[in-house]
Amino acid sequence: MEDSIKAKLEQLNPLLGQWSIEALFPGAPPSDLRGQVVFQWGPGDAFLIQRWEVPIPEAPDGVAIIAVDEDGGALIQHYFDSRGVVRRYEMGLEDGVWSMRKLSAGFSQRFRGEFDAAGERIDGAWEKSDDGGDWEHDFDLIYRRVG
């Protein structure tokens, strides 16, 4: 594996392990329901696998593969969920900030999550846009490290 690719992948180390996830939707009452997500290296440590399960019928379970795009050298997340949704996000993880972005005609999304100083919690928010220009808050997502 090239050194530049290896260095990009090493940026993902703060995500490794098991996390609980809590989604906070505007106008929805608080809930004790928490999902689970695990990040682990795939074969050859050439990509990171993210798997999640959520005990809420409206929220999908899924898997994502995070790797370095061979064309541009950027981190890319390939997303697949239990609804049959498939998406591709540009991704970054630098200076304690995790970001993802998908721009496409008709529906765009972006995520920004900040790690706490101990690396045990990520406070994030998803935004959406119908035109890629006017963004609106979708929901908050809190990750808490387990174990």
Protein backbone atom coordinates (compact mmCIF):
# COMPACT_ATOMS: atom_id res chain seq x y z
CA MET A 1 0.00 0.00 0.00
CA GLU A 2 1.32 3.46 -0.92
CA ASP A 3 2.46 5.64 1.97
CA SER A 4 0.03 8.43 1.02
CA ILE A 5 -2.93 6.03 1.06
CA LYS A 6 -1.79 4.53 4.35
CA ALA A 7 -1.49 8.01 5.89
CA LYS A 8 -5.04 8.90 4.77
CA LEU A 9 -6.41 5.68 6.24
CA GLU A 10 -4.61 6.28 9.54
CA GLN A 11 -6.69 9.44 9.93
CA LEU A 12 -9.64 7.10 10.57
CA ASN A 13 -8.14 5.52 13.71
CA PRO A 14 -10.22 7.71 16.09
CA LEU A 15 -13.37 6.00 14.77
CA LEU A 16 -12.23 2.44 15.54
CA GLY A 17 -14.27 0.44 18.00
CA GLN A 18 -17.84 0.24 19.19
CA TRP A 19 -20.13 3.22 19.74
CA SER A 20 -23.72 3.83 20.78
CA ILE A 21 -25.63 6.31 18.63
CA GLU A 22 -28.46 8.60 19.60
CA ALA A 23 -30.51 10.47 17.00
CA LEU A 24 -32.29 13.67 18.03
CA PHE A 25 -34.99 14.76 15.61
CA PRO A 26 -36.50 18.27 15.74
CA GLY A 27 -39.89 18.21 17.45
CA ALA A 28 -39.59 14.57 18.52
CA PRO A 29 -39.79 13.66 22.21
CA PRO A 30 -36.61 12.41 23.91
CA SER A 31 -36.04 8.67 23.71
CA ASP A 32 -33.91 6.13 25.54
CA LEU A 33 -33.45 4.10 22.35
CA ARG A 34 -29.85 3.87 21.18
CA GLY A 35 -28.35 2.28 18.12
CA GLN A 36 -24.99 0.55 17.92
CA VAL A 37 -22.21 1.15 15.42
CA VAL A 38 -18.88 -0.62 14.99
CA PHE A 39 -15.88 0.55 12.97
CA GLN A 40 -13.23 -2.06 12.12
CA TRP A 41 -10.52 -2.52 9.54
CA GLY A 42 -11.27 -4.68 6.52
CA PRO A 43 -8.86 -7.23 5.01
CA GLY A 44 -5.36 -5.87 4.61
CA ASP A 45 -6.32 -2.72 6.54
CA ALA A 46 -7.05 -1.19 3.12
CA PHE A 47 -10.50 0.10 4.09
CA LEU A 48 -12.66 0.71 7.16
CA ILE A 49 -15.99 -1.09 7.61
CA GLN A 50 -18.79 0.66 9.48
CA ARG A 51 -21.81 -1.42 10.56
CA TRP A 52 -24.82 -0.08 12.42
CA GLU A 53 -28.12 -1.26 13.84
CA VAL A 54 -30.85 1.03 15.10
CA PRO A 55 -33.84 -0.20 17.19
CA ILE A 56 -36.20 2.31 15.56
CA PRO A 57 -38.33 1.03 12.65
CA GLU A 58 -38.06 4.33 10.75
CA ALA A 59 -34.25 4.36 10.92
CA PRO A 60 -32.29 2.00 8.65
CA ASP A 61 -29.61 -0.48 9.63
CA GLY A 62 -26.63 -0.61 7.31
CA VAL A 63 -23.02 -0.91 6.37
CA ALA A 64 -20.53 1.52 4.90
CA ILE A 65 -17.09 1.02 3.42
CA ILE A 66 -14.61 3.87 3.83
CA ALA A 67 -11.57 3.93 1.56
CA VAL A 68 -9.24 6.22 -0.34
CA ASP A 69 -10.48 7.14 -3.82
CA GLU A 70 -7.81 6.04 -6.28
CA ASP A 71 -8.57 8.90 -8.66
CA GLY A 72 -8.32 11.87 -6.32
CA GLY A 73 -6.84 10.52 -3.12
CA ALA A 74 -9.80 11.68 -1.00
CA LEU A 75 -11.57 9.59 1.62
CA ILE A 76 -14.85 8.20 0.29
CA GLN A 77 -17.67 6.49 2.15
CA HIS A 78 -19.79 4.00 0.20
CA TYR A 79 -23.10 3.71 2.11
CA PHE A 80 -25.66 0.87 1.92
CA ASP A 81 -28.75 0.57 4.13
CA SER A 82 -31.65 -1.78 4.82
CA ARG A 83 -34.03 0.34 2.70
CA GLY A 84 -31.92 -0.42 -0.37
CA VAL A 85 -30.44 3.09 -0.38
CA VAL A 86 -26.92 3.37 -1.81
CA ARG A 87 -24.96 6.60 -1.52
CA ARG A 88 -21.42 7.89 -1.97
CA TYR A 89 -20.04 10.55 0.36
CA GLU A 90 -16.83 12.55 0.26
CA MET A 91 -15.39 12.26 3.74
CA GLY A 92 -12.79 13.88 5.95
CA LEU A 93 -11.49 13.36 9.47
CA GLU A 94 -9.04 16.01 10.58
CA ASP A 95 -8.34 17.97 13.77
CA GLY A 96 -11.17 16.25 15.65
CA VAL A 97 -13.79 17.02 13.00
CA TRP A 98 -15.50 14.30 10.98
CA SER A 99 -17.24 15.51 7.83
CA MET A 100 -19.21 13.88 5.03
CA ARG A 101 -20.85 15.42 1.99
CA LYS A 102 -23.00 14.17 -0.87
CA LEU A 103 -23.96 16.64 -3.56
CA SER A 104 -26.42 15.55 -6.20
CA ALA A 105 -29.34 16.95 -8.14
CA GLY A 106 -32.51 16.83 -6.09
CA PHE A 107 -31.04 15.72 -2.76
CA SER A 108 -27.78 16.66 -1.07
CA GLN A 109 -26.60 15.90 2.46
CA ARG A 110 -23.75 16.85 4.72
CA PHE A 111 -22.61 15.82 8.18
CA ARG A 112 -20.27 17.47 10.63
CA GLY A 113 -19.28 15.81 13.90
CA GLU A 114 -16.82 17.02 16.52
CA PHE A 115 -14.92 14.68 18.83
CA ASP A 116 -14.64 15.64 22.49
CA ALA A 117 -11.13 16.08 23.91
CA ALA A 118 -11.00 12.48 25.17
CA GLY A 119 -12.17 10.98 21.86
CA GLU A 120 -15.08 9.30 23.65
CA ARG A 121 -17.98 11.29 22.17
CA ILE A 122 -18.84 12.78 18.79
CA ASP A 123 -21.52 15.47 18.60
CA GLY A 124 -22.76 15.70 15.05
CA ALA A 125 -25.53 17.05 12.87
CA TRP A 126 -26.90 16.13 9.46
CA GLU A 127 -28.15 18.79 7.06
CA LYS A 128 -30.04 18.36 3.80
CA SER A 129 -30.68 20.40 0.70
CA ASP A 130 -32.90 20.01 -2.33
CA ASP A 131 -30.78 22.32 -4.47
CA GLY A 132 -27.26 22.01 -2.96
CA GLY A 133 -27.36 25.65 -1.87
CA ASP A 134 -30.02 26.17 0.78
CA TRP A 135 -29.19 23.86 3.69
CA GLU A 136 -31.55 22.94 6.51
CA HIS A 137 -30.92 21.02 9.72
CA ASP A 138 -32.15 17.42 9.48
CA PHE A 139 -31.21 15.82 12.81
CA ASP A 140 -28.46 15.58 15.43
CA LEU A 141 -26.48 12.40 15.95
CA ILE A 142 -24.46 11.70 19.09
CA TYR A 143 -21.87 8.90 19.21
CA ARG A 144 -20.64 7.62 22.58
CA ARG A 145 -17.78 5.14 22.79
CA VAL A 146 -18.71 1.82 24.38
CA GLY A 147 -16.29 -0.10 26.60
